[in-house]
Amino acid sequence: ARGAGRGHRTDPGGYGGISGVPRRRARREHEHRADRARRERETMPQSGTAGEHIADAVEQVTREASELFRDRFQGVGDGLRSAARQAGAGGALLGGAGVCALLAVGSAHRAALRALESALHPAQAAAVLTLAYAAGAGAMARAGRDRLRAAGRASGARPEPTGP
């Protein structure tokens, strides 16, 4: 047969990657279908009333529907768990970056304080640095407020007046 020679892999079980499905999944689906067919043969009533046949058919459809939903939602749950794992790792990295940034700011503060202390009394150096930080905070707060107001005007929102 074509493709059965050396170097070609044959798949007598029919579990080959049909439309990209991995072999393990295809095998599991094949076994699932075989089990379902066996259960159907075992549960087929040989005799009885029409009501019993209908009840059995409804029970079988319910069982198959629940199996289908379970299989589909298990895949969704796996995807959500993977996404949560990645988000958790990303959050941990951002937290670590925040700690490093805080340490860098502390080091920069200490370096600036030492530089000022070489020219001024230590108390005066601390006061100058404190005033510089306060002026920077005030300037950034005002710039941020102005940008937020401009964005509100551009969107058509009417902010409540809150002082100068």
N, C-alpha and C. Protein backbone atom coordinates (compact mmCIF):
# COMPACT_ATOMS: atom_id res chain seq x y z
N ALA A 1 0.84 -1.18 0.00
CA ALA A 1 0.00 0.00 0.00
C ALA A 1 0.88 1.23 0.00
N ARG A 2 0.37 2.28 -0.55
CA ARG A 2 1.13 3.52 -0.63
C ARG A 2 1.34 4.09 0.78
N GLY A 3 2.55 4.53 1.08
CA GLY A 3 2.85 5.11 2.37
C GLY A 3 3.16 4.08 3.44
N ALA A 4 3.08 2.78 3.09
CA ALA A 4 3.32 1.74 4.09
C ALA A 4 4.78 1.32 4.13
N GLY A 5 5.60 1.88 3.24
CA GLY A 5 7.00 1.50 3.18
C GLY A 5 7.80 2.08 4.33
N ARG A 6 9.07 1.82 4.30
CA ARG A 6 9.97 2.29 5.35
C ARG A 6 10.03 3.82 5.33
N GLY A 7 10.03 4.40 6.53
CA GLY A 7 10.09 5.85 6.64
C GLY A 7 8.71 6.49 6.71
N HIS A 8 7.65 5.75 6.42
CA HIS A 8 6.30 6.28 6.54
C HIS A 8 5.62 5.62 7.72
N ARG A 9 4.98 6.39 8.50
CA ARG A 9 4.32 5.86 9.70
C ARG A 9 2.88 5.53 9.36
N THR A 10 2.51 4.30 9.59
CA THR A 10 1.12 3.91 9.38
C THR A 10 0.42 3.92 10.71
N ASP A 11 -0.87 4.11 10.69
CA ASP A 11 -1.65 4.20 11.92
C ASP A 11 -2.84 3.26 11.81
N PRO A 12 -2.63 1.97 12.15
CA PRO A 12 -3.71 1.00 11.98
C PRO A 12 -4.91 1.28 12.87
N GLY A 13 -4.73 1.98 13.98
CA GLY A 13 -5.86 2.25 14.87
C GLY A 13 -6.72 3.41 14.42
N GLY A 14 -6.28 4.15 13.41
CA GLY A 14 -7.07 5.28 12.94
C GLY A 14 -7.02 6.47 13.89
N TYR A 15 -5.92 6.59 14.68
CA TYR A 15 -5.84 7.67 15.65
C TYR A 15 -4.99 8.83 15.16
N GLY A 16 -4.68 8.87 13.89
CA GLY A 16 -3.82 9.92 13.36
C GLY A 16 -4.42 11.29 13.56
N GLY A 17 -3.62 12.31 13.51
CA GLY A 17 -4.05 13.67 13.78
C GLY A 17 -5.07 14.16 12.78
N ILE A 18 -6.32 13.77 12.92
CA ILE A 18 -7.39 14.18 12.02
C ILE A 18 -7.61 15.66 12.23
N SER A 19 -7.46 16.45 11.18
CA SER A 19 -7.60 17.90 11.20
C SER A 19 -6.86 18.53 12.36
N GLY A 20 -5.65 18.07 12.63
CA GLY A 20 -4.80 18.69 13.62
C GLY A 20 -5.03 18.21 15.05
N VAL A 21 -5.90 17.24 15.26
CA VAL A 21 -6.16 16.76 16.62
C VAL A 21 -5.03 15.83 17.03
N PRO A 22 -4.41 16.04 18.17
CA PRO A 22 -3.31 15.18 18.61
C PRO A 22 -3.78 13.74 18.80
N ARG A 23 -2.83 12.82 18.69
CA ARG A 23 -3.15 11.40 18.78
C ARG A 23 -3.81 11.03 20.10
N ARG A 24 -3.32 11.57 21.20
CA ARG A 24 -3.86 11.19 22.51
C ARG A 24 -5.33 11.60 22.62
N ARG A 25 -5.65 12.80 22.15
CA ARG A 25 -7.04 13.26 22.21
C ARG A 25 -7.92 12.43 21.29
N ALA A 26 -7.43 12.13 20.09
CA ALA A 26 -8.21 11.33 19.15
C ALA A 26 -8.47 9.94 19.73
N ARG A 27 -7.45 9.36 20.37
CA ARG A 27 -7.63 8.04 20.98
C ARG A 27 -8.66 8.10 22.10
N ARG A 28 -8.59 9.16 22.93
CA ARG A 28 -9.54 9.30 24.03
C ARG A 28 -10.96 9.46 23.50
N GLU A 29 -11.15 10.24 22.43
CA GLU A 29 -12.48 10.41 21.85
C GLU A 29 -12.98 9.09 21.25
N HIS A 30 -12.09 8.34 20.62
CA HIS A 30 -12.48 7.05 20.05
C HIS A 30 -12.93 6.10 21.17
N GLU A 31 -12.17 6.04 22.24
CA GLU A 31 -12.54 5.17 23.36
C GLU A 31 -13.84 5.62 23.99
N HIS A 32 -14.06 6.94 24.07
CA HIS A 32 -15.29 7.48 24.64
C HIS A 32 -16.49 7.06 23.80
N ARG A 33 -16.35 7.14 22.45
CA ARG A 33 -17.44 6.73 21.57
C ARG A 33 -17.70 5.23 21.69
N ALA A 34 -16.64 4.44 21.81
CA ALA A 34 -16.80 2.99 21.95
C ALA A 34 -17.51 2.65 23.26
N ASP A 35 -17.15 3.32 24.35
CA ASP A 35 -17.81 3.09 25.63
C ASP A 35 -19.29 3.47 25.56
N ARG A 36 -19.58 4.59 24.91
CA ARG A 36 -20.96 5.03 24.79
C ARG A 36 -21.78 4.01 23.98
N ALA A 37 -21.20 3.50 22.89
CA ALA A 37 -21.91 2.51 22.07
C ALA A 37 -22.17 1.24 22.88
N ARG A 38 -21.17 0.83 23.69
CA ARG A 38 -21.35 -0.37 24.52
C ARG A 38 -22.46 -0.13 25.55
N ARG A 39 -22.49 1.04 26.18
CA ARG A 39 -23.54 1.33 27.16
C ARG A 39 -24.91 1.36 26.50
N GLU A 40 -24.97 1.89 25.28
CA GLU A 40 -26.25 1.94 24.56
C GLU A 40 -26.76 0.53 24.28
N ARG A 41 -25.84 -0.36 23.88
CA ARG A 41 -26.27 -1.74 23.61
C ARG A 41 -26.75 -2.42 24.88
N GLU A 42 -26.06 -2.15 25.99
CA GLU A 42 -26.42 -2.78 27.25
C GLU A 42 -27.74 -2.23 27.80
N THR A 43 -28.03 -0.98 27.56
CA THR A 43 -29.22 -0.36 28.13
C THR A 43 -30.43 -0.42 27.22
N MET A 44 -30.28 -0.94 26.00
CA MET A 44 -31.41 -1.03 25.09
C MET A 44 -32.43 -2.02 25.65
N PRO A 45 -33.63 -1.57 25.85
CA PRO A 45 -34.65 -2.48 26.40
C PRO A 45 -35.05 -3.52 25.35
N GLN A 46 -35.17 -4.74 25.80
CA GLN A 46 -35.55 -5.83 24.90
C GLN A 46 -37.07 -5.93 24.80
N SER A 47 -37.72 -5.61 25.88
CA SER A 47 -39.18 -5.64 25.86
C SER A 47 -39.67 -4.60 26.84
N GLY A 48 -40.89 -4.22 26.74
CA GLY A 48 -41.45 -3.24 27.66
C GLY A 48 -42.41 -2.34 26.93
N THR A 49 -42.94 -1.41 27.70
CA THR A 49 -43.93 -0.50 27.13
C THR A 49 -43.24 0.64 26.41
N ALA A 50 -44.03 1.37 25.66
CA ALA A 50 -43.50 2.52 24.94
C ALA A 50 -43.01 3.57 25.93
N GLY A 51 -43.66 3.70 27.05
CA GLY A 51 -43.25 4.66 28.07
C GLY A 51 -41.86 4.36 28.60
N GLU A 52 -41.56 3.08 28.77
CA GLU A 52 -40.22 2.69 29.23
C GLU A 52 -39.17 3.03 28.18
N HIS A 53 -39.49 2.80 26.92
CA HIS A 53 -38.56 3.13 25.84
C HIS A 53 -38.29 4.63 25.80
N ILE A 54 -39.33 5.43 25.95
CA ILE A 54 -39.17 6.89 25.93
C ILE A 54 -38.35 7.33 27.14
N ALA A 55 -38.62 6.77 28.31
CA ALA A 55 -37.88 7.13 29.51
C ALA A 55 -36.40 6.78 29.36
N ASP A 56 -36.15 5.60 28.78
CA ASP A 56 -34.75 5.21 28.56
C ASP A 56 -34.06 6.15 27.57
N ALA A 57 -34.78 6.54 26.51
CA ALA A 57 -34.20 7.43 25.52
C ALA A 57 -33.90 8.81 26.13
N VAL A 58 -34.82 9.30 26.95
CA VAL A 58 -34.61 10.60 27.61
C VAL A 58 -33.42 10.51 28.55
N GLU A 59 -33.32 9.42 29.29
CA GLU A 59 -32.19 9.24 30.20
C GLU A 59 -30.87 9.20 29.44
N GLN A 60 -30.86 8.52 28.32
CA GLN A 60 -29.65 8.41 27.51
C GLN A 60 -29.25 9.78 26.94
N VAL A 61 -30.21 10.54 26.43
CA VAL A 61 -29.92 11.86 25.89
C VAL A 61 -29.40 12.78 26.99
N THR A 62 -29.99 12.71 28.17
CA THR A 62 -29.54 13.53 29.30
C THR A 62 -28.11 13.19 29.68
N ARG A 63 -27.80 11.90 29.73
CA ARG A 63 -26.46 11.46 30.08
C ARG A 63 -25.44 11.95 29.03
N GLU A 64 -25.78 11.81 27.76
CA GLU A 64 -24.88 12.24 26.70
C GLU A 64 -24.67 13.76 26.72
N ALA A 65 -25.74 14.52 26.97
CA ALA A 65 -25.63 15.97 27.02
C ALA A 65 -24.74 16.40 28.18
N SER A 66 -24.91 15.76 29.33
CA SER A 66 -24.07 16.14 30.48
C SER A 66 -22.61 15.79 30.21
N GLU A 67 -22.34 14.67 29.56
CA GLU A 67 -20.96 14.31 29.21
C GLU A 67 -20.37 15.33 28.23
N LEU A 68 -21.17 15.75 27.26
CA LEU A 68 -20.71 16.73 26.28
C LEU A 68 -20.37 18.05 26.96
N PHE A 69 -21.27 18.54 27.80
CA PHE A 69 -21.01 19.80 28.51
C PHE A 69 -19.80 19.68 29.41
N ARG A 70 -19.66 18.58 30.11
CA ARG A 70 -18.52 18.38 31.01
C ARG A 70 -17.21 18.44 30.21
N ASP A 71 -17.18 17.76 29.07
CA ASP A 71 -15.97 17.76 28.24
C ASP A 71 -15.65 19.17 27.73
N ARG A 72 -16.66 19.91 27.28
CA ARG A 72 -16.44 21.24 26.71
C ARG A 72 -16.00 22.22 27.79
N PHE A 73 -16.66 22.20 28.95
CA PHE A 73 -16.33 23.17 30.00
C PHE A 73 -15.03 22.84 30.70
N GLN A 74 -14.59 21.61 30.66
CA GLN A 74 -13.30 21.27 31.24
C GLN A 74 -12.19 21.98 30.46
N GLY A 75 -12.32 22.04 29.15
CA GLY A 75 -11.35 22.75 28.33
C GLY A 75 -11.33 24.24 28.63
N VAL A 76 -12.51 24.82 28.87
CA VAL A 76 -12.59 26.24 29.22
C VAL A 76 -11.92 26.49 30.56
N GLY A 77 -12.17 25.62 31.52
CA GLY A 77 -11.55 25.76 32.84
C GLY A 77 -10.04 25.68 32.77
N ASP A 78 -9.53 24.78 31.93
CA ASP A 78 -8.07 24.67 31.77
C ASP A 78 -7.49 25.97 31.23
N GLY A 79 -8.17 26.56 30.26
CA GLY A 79 -7.69 27.83 29.69
C GLY A 79 -7.71 28.95 30.71
N LEU A 80 -8.77 28.99 31.54
CA LEU A 80 -8.84 30.03 32.57
C LEU A 80 -7.76 29.85 33.62
N ARG A 81 -7.50 28.61 34.01
CA ARG A 81 -6.44 28.36 34.99
C ARG A 81 -5.09 28.81 34.45
N SER A 82 -4.84 28.53 33.18
CA SER A 82 -3.57 28.94 32.57
C SER A 82 -3.45 30.46 32.53
N ALA A 83 -4.53 31.13 32.16
CA ALA A 83 -4.51 32.59 32.12
C ALA A 83 -4.31 33.18 33.51
N ALA A 84 -4.95 32.59 34.52
CA ALA A 84 -4.79 33.08 35.89
C ALA A 84 -3.36 32.88 36.38
N ARG A 85 -2.76 31.76 36.00
CA ARG A 85 -1.37 31.50 36.38
C ARG A 85 -0.44 32.55 35.78
N GLN A 86 -0.66 32.87 34.51
CA GLN A 86 0.17 33.88 33.85
C GLN A 86 -0.06 35.26 34.46
N ALA A 87 -1.33 35.58 34.77
CA ALA A 87 -1.62 36.88 35.38
C ALA A 87 -0.98 36.97 36.76
N GLY A 88 -1.00 35.89 37.52
CA GLY A 88 -0.37 35.89 38.84
C GLY A 88 1.13 36.12 38.74
N ALA A 89 1.76 35.50 37.77
CA ALA A 89 3.20 35.70 37.58
C ALA A 89 3.48 37.14 37.16
N GLY A 90 2.63 37.70 36.30
CA GLY A 90 2.80 39.09 35.88
C GLY A 90 2.63 40.04 37.06
N GLY A 91 1.65 39.77 37.92
CA GLY A 91 1.45 40.61 39.10
C GLY A 91 2.64 40.54 40.05
N ALA A 92 3.19 39.36 40.22
CA ALA A 92 4.37 39.22 41.09
C ALA A 92 5.56 40.00 40.53
N LEU A 93 5.73 39.94 39.21
CA LEU A 93 6.82 40.71 38.59
C LEU A 93 6.62 42.21 38.76
N LEU A 94 5.36 42.68 38.61
CA LEU A 94 5.09 44.11 38.81
C LEU A 94 5.33 44.52 40.26
N GLY A 95 4.97 43.67 41.20
CA GLY A 95 5.24 43.96 42.60
C GLY A 95 6.73 44.07 42.88
N GLY A 96 7.50 43.15 42.31
CA GLY A 96 8.95 43.20 42.46
C GLY A 96 9.54 44.46 41.84
N ALA A 97 8.98 44.87 40.70
CA ALA A 97 9.45 46.11 40.06
C ALA A 97 9.15 47.32 40.95
N GLY A 98 8.00 47.31 41.61
CA GLY A 98 7.66 48.40 42.51
C GLY A 98 8.61 48.49 43.69
N VAL A 99 8.98 47.34 44.24
CA VAL A 99 9.93 47.33 45.35
C VAL A 99 11.29 47.87 44.90
N CYS A 100 11.74 47.43 43.73
CA CYS A 100 13.02 47.93 43.20
C CYS A 100 12.97 49.44 42.96
N ALA A 101 11.85 49.93 42.44
CA ALA A 101 11.71 51.37 42.20
C ALA A 101 11.74 52.14 43.52
N LEU A 102 11.10 51.60 44.55
CA LEU A 102 11.12 52.25 45.87
C LEU A 102 12.54 52.31 46.43
N LEU A 103 13.28 51.23 46.27
CA LEU A 103 14.68 51.22 46.73
C LEU A 103 15.53 52.23 45.94
N ALA A 104 15.26 52.35 44.65
CA ALA A 104 16.00 53.31 43.82
C ALA A 104 15.70 54.75 44.25
N VAL A 105 14.44 55.03 44.56
CA VAL A 105 14.09 56.37 45.02
C VAL A 105 14.76 56.66 46.36
N GLY A 106 14.77 55.68 47.25
CA GLY A 106 15.44 55.86 48.54
C GLY A 106 16.93 56.12 48.37
N SER A 107 17.54 55.39 47.47
CA SER A 107 18.98 55.59 47.22
C SER A 107 19.25 56.96 46.62
N ALA A 108 18.40 57.38 45.70
CA ALA A 108 18.57 58.70 45.09
C ALA A 108 18.39 59.80 46.14
N HIS A 109 17.43 59.62 47.04
CA HIS A 109 17.24 60.59 48.11
C HIS A 109 18.48 60.69 48.99
N ARG A 110 18.99 59.53 49.35
CA ARG A 110 20.18 59.52 50.22
C ARG A 110 21.38 60.17 49.53
N ALA A 111 21.56 59.92 48.25
CA ALA A 111 22.66 60.52 47.50
C ALA A 111 22.50 62.03 47.42
N ALA A 112 21.27 62.50 47.16
CA ALA A 112 21.04 63.95 47.09
C ALA A 112 21.28 64.59 48.45
N LEU A 113 20.84 63.94 49.51
CA LEU A 113 21.04 64.48 50.85
C LEU A 113 22.53 64.58 51.19
N ARG A 114 23.29 63.57 50.86
CA ARG A 114 24.74 63.61 51.11
C ARG A 114 25.41 64.73 50.33
N ALA A 115 24.99 64.92 49.09
CA ALA A 115 25.58 65.98 48.26
C ALA A 115 25.28 67.35 48.87
N LEU A 116 24.05 67.56 49.35
CA LEU A 116 23.71 68.84 49.96
C LEU A 116 24.40 69.04 51.31
N GLU A 117 24.58 67.96 52.04
CA GLU A 117 25.24 68.06 53.36
C GLU A 117 26.70 68.48 53.23
N SER A 118 27.31 68.25 52.08
CA SER A 118 28.70 68.68 51.91
C SER A 118 28.81 70.20 51.80
N ALA A 119 27.69 70.87 51.42
CA ALA A 119 27.71 72.32 51.27
C ALA A 119 26.93 73.03 52.39
N LEU A 120 25.95 72.36 52.97
CA LEU A 120 25.09 72.97 54.00
C LEU A 120 25.14 72.16 55.29
N HIS A 121 24.58 72.76 56.33
CA HIS A 121 24.40 72.05 57.60
C HIS A 121 23.40 70.91 57.35
N PRO A 122 23.53 69.75 58.00
CA PRO A 122 22.62 68.62 57.74
C PRO A 122 21.13 68.98 57.86
N ALA A 123 20.77 69.80 58.83
CA ALA A 123 19.36 70.19 58.98
C ALA A 123 18.91 71.05 57.81
N GLN A 124 19.77 71.96 57.38
CA GLN A 124 19.43 72.81 56.23
C GLN A 124 19.32 71.97 54.95
N ALA A 125 20.21 71.02 54.79
CA ALA A 125 20.17 70.14 53.60
C ALA A 125 18.85 69.36 53.56
N ALA A 126 18.43 68.85 54.72
CA ALA A 126 17.17 68.11 54.78
C ALA A 126 16.00 69.03 54.45
N ALA A 127 16.03 70.27 54.96
CA ALA A 127 14.94 71.21 54.69
C ALA A 127 14.88 71.56 53.20
N VAL A 128 16.03 71.78 52.57
CA VAL A 128 16.07 72.11 51.14
C VAL A 128 15.51 70.94 50.32
N LEU A 129 15.91 69.74 50.66
CA LEU A 129 15.44 68.56 49.92
C LEU A 129 13.93 68.37 50.12
N THR A 130 13.44 68.60 51.34
CA THR A 130 12.01 68.48 51.60
C THR A 130 11.23 69.50 50.79
N LEU A 131 11.69 70.73 50.74
CA LEU A 131 11.01 71.76 49.94
C LEU A 131 11.03 71.41 48.45
N ALA A 132 12.14 70.86 47.97
CA ALA A 132 12.23 70.46 46.56
C ALA A 132 11.22 69.36 46.25
N TYR A 133 11.08 68.38 47.15
CA TYR A 133 10.10 67.31 46.95
C TYR A 133 8.68 67.86 46.98
N ALA A 134 8.39 68.76 47.91
CA ALA A 134 7.05 69.35 48.01
C ALA A 134 6.72 70.15 46.75
N ALA A 135 7.67 70.92 46.23
CA ALA A 135 7.44 71.70 45.01
C ALA A 135 7.18 70.77 43.82
N GLY A 136 7.95 69.70 43.73
CA GLY A 136 7.74 68.73 42.64
C GLY A 136 6.38 68.06 42.74
N ALA A 137 5.97 67.69 43.96
CA ALA A 137 4.66 67.06 44.15
C ALA A 137 3.54 68.02 43.78
N GLY A 138 3.67 69.29 44.18
CA GLY A 138 2.65 70.28 43.85
C GLY A 138 2.53 70.50 42.35
N ALA A 139 3.67 70.59 41.68
CA ALA A 139 3.66 70.81 40.22
C ALA A 139 3.03 69.62 39.50
N MET A 140 3.37 68.41 39.91
CA MET A 140 2.79 67.22 39.26
C MET A 140 1.30 67.11 39.55
N ALA A 141 0.87 67.45 40.77
CA ALA A 141 -0.55 67.39 41.11
C ALA A 141 -1.34 68.38 40.26
N ARG A 142 -0.82 69.59 40.10
CA ARG A 142 -1.52 70.60 39.29
C ARG A 142 -1.58 70.17 37.81
N ALA A 143 -0.48 69.64 37.28
CA ALA A 143 -0.46 69.19 35.88
C ALA A 143 -1.45 68.03 35.68
N GLY A 144 -1.50 67.12 36.64
CA GLY A 144 -2.44 65.99 36.55
C GLY A 144 -3.88 66.46 36.59
N ARG A 145 -4.17 67.40 37.50
CA ARG A 145 -5.53 67.95 37.60
C ARG A 145 -5.93 68.62 36.29
N ASP A 146 -5.02 69.41 35.72
CA ASP A 146 -5.32 70.10 34.46
C ASP A 146 -5.59 69.12 33.33
N ARG A 147 -4.82 68.07 33.27
CA ARG A 147 -5.05 67.06 32.21
C ARG A 147 -6.38 66.35 32.40
N LEU A 148 -6.72 66.02 33.64
CA LEU A 148 -8.01 65.37 33.89
C LEU A 148 -9.17 66.28 33.52
N ARG A 149 -9.05 67.55 33.85
CA ARG A 149 -10.11 68.50 33.47
C ARG A 149 -10.23 68.60 31.96
N ALA A 150 -9.08 68.65 31.25
CA ALA A 150 -9.11 68.73 29.78
C ALA A 150 -9.75 67.48 29.19
N ALA A 151 -9.44 66.33 29.75
CA ALA A 151 -10.04 65.08 29.25
C ALA A 151 -11.54 65.08 29.51
N GLY A 152 -11.96 65.61 30.65
CA GLY A 152 -13.39 65.69 30.95
C GLY A 152 -14.11 66.61 30.00
N ARG A 153 -13.51 67.75 29.68
CA ARG A 153 -14.13 68.67 28.72
C ARG A 153 -14.21 68.04 27.33
N ALA A 154 -13.18 67.30 26.94
CA ALA A 154 -13.17 66.67 25.62
C ALA A 154 -14.23 65.58 25.51
N SER A 155 -14.54 64.92 26.63
CA SER A 155 -15.53 63.85 26.59
C SER A 155 -16.95 64.37 26.76
N GLY A 156 -17.09 65.66 27.10
CA GLY A 156 -18.41 66.23 27.27
C GLY A 156 -18.93 66.13 28.69
N ALA A 157 -18.15 65.57 29.59
CA ALA A 157 -18.56 65.45 30.98
C ALA A 157 -18.43 66.81 31.65
N ARG A 158 -19.31 67.08 32.59
CA ARG A 158 -19.27 68.36 33.31
C ARG A 158 -18.83 68.08 34.73
N PRO A 159 -17.54 68.34 35.06
CA PRO A 159 -17.08 68.08 36.42
C PRO A 159 -17.67 69.09 37.39
N GLU A 160 -17.81 68.64 38.64
CA GLU A 160 -18.30 69.52 39.69
C GLU A 160 -17.18 70.49 40.06
N PRO A 161 -17.50 71.77 40.24
CA PRO A 161 -16.46 72.72 40.61
C PRO A 161 -15.95 72.44 42.02
N THR A 162 -14.60 72.44 42.17
CA THR A 162 -13.99 72.12 43.47
C THR A 162 -12.86 73.08 43.77
N GLY A 163 -13.11 74.33 43.86
CA GLY A 163 -12.05 75.27 44.23
C GLY A 163 -11.32 75.81 43.03
N PRO A 164 -10.20 76.56 43.31
CA PRO A 164 -9.50 77.28 42.23
C PRO A 164 -8.82 76.40 41.25
